[in-house]
Amino acid sequence: MWQTAKVRDVVKSPIISIEEDSSVVEAAKVMAEKKISGIVITNKGKPVGLVTERDVVSKVVAAGKDPSQTTVKEVMSKPLITIDIEATLLEAVDLMNRKKVRRLLVTRDDEIIGLFTIRDVLALSRICAYCGKPIKPLLPSQPQSEADIIIECSCGAVYMQECAKTVVYCIYCSRKLVTEVYYPPPEDTFSG
């Protein structure tokens, strides 16, 4: 899967950005509002850097700077590390490891079109909350079969459809997952 799946299958687009003369407070407000952990910094609309939550904590708060008086240009990470949209996920993960970053800007014909994050990688490596088996990642370009269907609880836990029918209620938050219930034969249960 890692060798064949492409960055285009999981990229988040469009990018969310803010101009480099904006304050760190403004950037933090946008990140909080959009529920993102990093924001692209632009100079007249052209991407020039990236500010993350970690940058805000280590370069502003821990350094004792006033976030309302500090511009994002002063704390942004640069240069931008990019990857082509047609690259494989394996290439993207390898680049992230070599550069020691959690985010890559995605390009198409040298134009930045989206963001690829370590969270995108983790989302492809999920396990069923009930049985603990890996859940096969379903990419938009793949056909879906009955066995690929997953149920995601509002708390974020994921279950294979058959497991959700067995457990019925989320094991973490007790919310109801399904209305159709599957009762396994006695020999398939722990008590036998």
Protein backbone atom coordinates (compact mmCIF):
# COMPACT_ATOMS: atom_id res chain seq x y z
CA MET A 1 0.00 0.00 0.00
CA TRP A 2 2.79 2.45 0.93
CA GLN A 3 4.57 1.92 -2.38
CA THR A 4 1.46 2.39 -4.53
CA ALA A 5 -0.69 4.94 -2.69
CA LYS A 6 0.04 8.54 -3.63
CA VAL A 7 0.17 11.79 -1.69
CA ARG A 8 -2.80 12.94 -3.80
CA ASP A 9 -4.93 10.28 -2.07
CA VAL A 10 -4.64 11.94 1.35
CA VAL A 11 -3.58 15.58 0.80
CA LYS A 12 -5.61 18.28 2.54
CA SER A 13 -6.45 21.18 0.31
CA PRO A 14 -6.69 24.16 0.14
CA ILE A 15 -3.93 25.45 2.39
CA ILE A 16 -4.74 27.92 5.13
CA SER A 17 -2.39 30.87 5.22
CA ILE A 18 -1.72 34.25 6.79
CA GLU A 19 0.55 37.13 5.70
CA GLU A 20 4.02 37.36 7.29
CA ASP A 21 3.38 40.73 8.97
CA SER A 22 0.48 39.26 11.00
CA SER A 23 0.94 38.75 14.72
CA VAL A 24 1.37 35.39 16.37
CA VAL A 25 -1.95 36.01 18.15
CA GLU A 26 -3.71 36.35 14.78
CA ALA A 27 -2.12 33.13 13.56
CA ALA A 28 -3.10 31.30 16.75
CA LYS A 29 -6.70 32.49 16.38
CA VAL A 30 -6.88 31.19 12.81
CA MET A 31 -5.34 27.85 13.84
CA ALA A 32 -7.82 27.52 16.72
CA GLU A 33 -10.79 28.48 14.54
CA LYS A 34 -9.82 26.06 11.75
CA LYS A 35 -8.70 23.35 14.21
CA ILE A 36 -5.28 23.01 12.60
CA SER A 37 -1.81 22.75 14.12
CA GLY A 38 0.12 24.71 11.53
CA ILE A 39 -0.42 27.62 9.16
CA VAL A 40 1.39 28.63 5.98
CA ILE A 41 2.99 32.09 6.05
CA THR A 42 2.86 34.14 2.86
CA ASN A 43 4.54 37.25 1.46
CA LYS A 44 2.11 38.93 -0.96
CA GLY A 45 0.33 35.61 -1.40
CA LYS A 46 3.52 33.59 -2.04
CA PRO A 47 4.26 30.89 0.59
CA VAL A 48 7.52 31.60 2.44
CA GLY A 49 7.29 29.72 5.74
CA LEU A 50 5.23 27.73 8.20
CA VAL A 51 4.22 28.41 11.81
CA THR A 52 3.17 25.50 13.99
CA GLU A 53 1.87 25.17 17.54
CA ARG A 54 5.37 24.06 18.50
CA ASP A 55 6.83 27.30 17.06
CA VAL A 56 4.37 29.35 19.11
CA VAL A 57 5.25 27.50 22.31
CA SER A 58 9.03 27.32 21.91
CA LYS A 59 9.81 30.55 20.05
CA VAL A 60 7.23 32.87 21.62
CA VAL A 61 5.77 31.67 24.92
CA ALA A 62 8.88 29.92 26.30
CA ALA A 63 11.08 32.79 25.07
CA GLY A 64 8.92 35.32 26.97
CA LYS A 65 7.90 37.26 23.85
CA ASP A 66 4.60 39.10 23.58
CA PRO A 67 2.54 37.18 20.98
CA SER A 68 0.56 40.28 20.08
CA GLN A 69 3.78 42.18 19.30
CA THR A 70 5.63 39.32 17.59
CA THR A 71 5.08 38.76 13.87
CA VAL A 72 4.81 35.31 12.38
CA LYS A 73 7.76 36.19 10.14
CA GLU A 74 9.98 36.27 13.25
CA VAL A 75 9.09 32.73 14.35
CA MET A 76 8.21 30.87 11.15
CA SER A 77 10.08 27.76 10.07
CA LYS A 78 11.76 28.01 6.71
CA PRO A 79 12.62 27.01 4.05
CA LEU A 80 9.44 25.19 3.13
CA ILE A 81 9.81 21.47 2.52
CA THR A 82 7.69 20.32 -0.38
CA ILE A 83 6.71 17.10 -2.12
CA ASP A 84 5.01 16.53 -5.46
CA ILE A 85 1.39 15.40 -5.38
CA GLU A 86 2.28 12.33 -7.47
CA ALA A 87 4.90 11.07 -4.98
CA THR A 88 4.14 7.85 -3.10
CA LEU A 89 3.31 7.84 0.59
CA LEU A 90 6.55 5.94 1.15
CA GLU A 91 8.51 8.81 -0.44
CA ALA A 92 6.61 11.36 1.68
CA VAL A 93 7.25 9.52 4.95
CA ASP A 94 10.91 9.03 4.01
CA LEU A 95 11.28 12.78 3.31
CA MET A 96 9.60 13.64 6.64
CA ASN A 97 12.01 11.34 8.47
CA ARG A 98 15.09 12.67 6.69
CA LYS A 99 14.13 16.33 7.25
CA LYS A 100 12.75 15.65 10.77
CA VAL A 101 9.43 17.43 10.06
CA ARG A 102 5.78 16.63 10.62
CA ARG A 103 4.36 18.57 7.68
CA LEU A 104 5.10 18.78 3.97
CA LEU A 105 3.64 21.26 1.54
CA VAL A 106 2.27 19.49 -1.52
CA THR A 107 3.00 20.87 -4.97
CA ARG A 108 1.65 20.38 -8.46
CA ASP A 109 3.78 21.90 -11.22
CA ASP A 110 5.73 23.92 -8.60
CA GLU A 111 2.52 25.46 -7.21
CA ILE A 112 1.66 24.74 -3.55
CA ILE A 113 -1.80 23.19 -3.45
CA GLY A 114 -2.10 21.45 -0.08
CA LEU A 115 -0.60 20.08 3.10
CA PHE A 116 0.47 16.54 4.03
CA THR A 117 0.95 15.85 7.74
CA ILE A 118 2.10 13.07 10.02
CA ARG A 119 -1.55 12.78 11.10
CA ASP A 120 -2.43 11.76 7.55
CA VAL A 121 0.05 8.91 7.92
CA LEU A 122 -1.33 7.90 11.31
CA ALA A 123 -4.89 7.91 9.96
CA LEU A 124 -3.81 5.21 7.54
CA SER A 125 -2.57 3.04 10.42
CA ARG A 126 -5.67 2.56 12.52
CA ILE A 127 -6.80 -0.46 14.50
CA CYS A 128 -10.26 -1.69 15.44
CA ALA A 129 -11.09 -0.62 19.00
CA TYR A 130 -12.85 -3.95 19.64
CA CYS A 131 -10.70 -6.68 18.11
CA GLY A 132 -7.38 -4.82 17.78
CA LYS A 133 -6.84 -5.88 14.16
CA PRO A 134 -5.44 -3.33 11.70
CA ILE A 135 -8.04 -1.54 9.64
CA LYS A 136 -7.13 -1.50 5.99
CA PRO A 137 -6.86 2.13 4.92
CA LEU A 138 -9.47 3.10 2.37
CA LEU A 139 -8.11 5.63 -0.05
CA PRO A 140 -10.47 7.62 -2.30
CA SER A 141 -9.06 5.92 -5.38
CA GLN A 142 -9.85 2.39 -4.11
CA PRO A 143 -13.16 0.55 -4.56
CA GLN A 144 -14.95 -0.21 -1.29
CA SER A 145 -16.17 -3.68 -0.37
CA GLU A 146 -18.46 -4.76 2.46
CA ALA A 147 -15.43 -5.94 4.49
CA ASP A 148 -13.82 -2.47 4.22
CA ILE A 149 -16.67 -0.63 5.93
CA ILE A 150 -15.72 0.93 9.24
CA ILE A 151 -17.82 2.64 11.86
CA GLU A 152 -16.33 5.71 13.51
CA CYS A 153 -17.68 6.88 16.84
CA SER A 154 -17.96 10.60 17.54
CA CYS A 155 -15.20 10.14 20.16
CA GLY A 156 -12.79 9.08 17.39
CA ALA A 157 -12.69 5.32 18.02
CA VAL A 158 -13.04 3.18 14.89
CA TYR A 159 -14.51 -0.29 14.51
CA MET A 160 -14.79 -2.77 11.68
CA GLN A 161 -18.45 -3.04 10.76
CA GLU A 162 -18.80 -6.62 12.04
CA CYS A 163 -17.14 -5.69 15.36
CA ALA A 164 -19.45 -2.67 15.74
CA LYS A 165 -22.46 -4.97 15.25
CA THR A 166 -21.10 -7.24 17.97
CA VAL A 167 -20.16 -4.63 20.57
CA VAL A 168 -23.06 -2.20 19.71
CA TYR A 169 -21.86 0.52 22.13
CA CYS A 170 -18.48 2.27 21.96
CA ILE A 171 -16.10 0.77 24.52
CA TYR A 172 -14.65 4.22 25.27
CA CYS A 173 -17.66 6.54 25.52
CA SER A 174 -20.69 4.17 25.52
CA ARG A 175 -22.38 5.86 22.56
CA LYS A 176 -24.51 3.59 20.38
CA LEU A 177 -22.64 2.61 17.21
CA VAL A 178 -25.20 0.59 15.24
CA THR A 179 -28.84 -0.40 15.28
CA GLU A 180 -28.28 -3.81 13.65
CA VAL A 181 -26.88 -6.24 16.20
CA TYR A 182 -24.93 -9.43 15.42
CA TYR A 183 -25.01 -12.23 17.97
CA PRO A 184 -22.08 -14.62 17.48
CA PRO A 185 -22.67 -18.35 17.90
CA PRO A 186 -21.78 -19.60 21.39
CA GLU A 187 -18.66 -21.41 20.18
CA ASP A 188 -17.25 -18.05 18.94
CA THR A 189 -17.54 -16.39 22.34
CA PHE A 190 -15.06 -16.44 25.22
CA SER A 191 -17.34 -18.54 27.45
CA GLY A 192 -17.94 -21.06 24.59
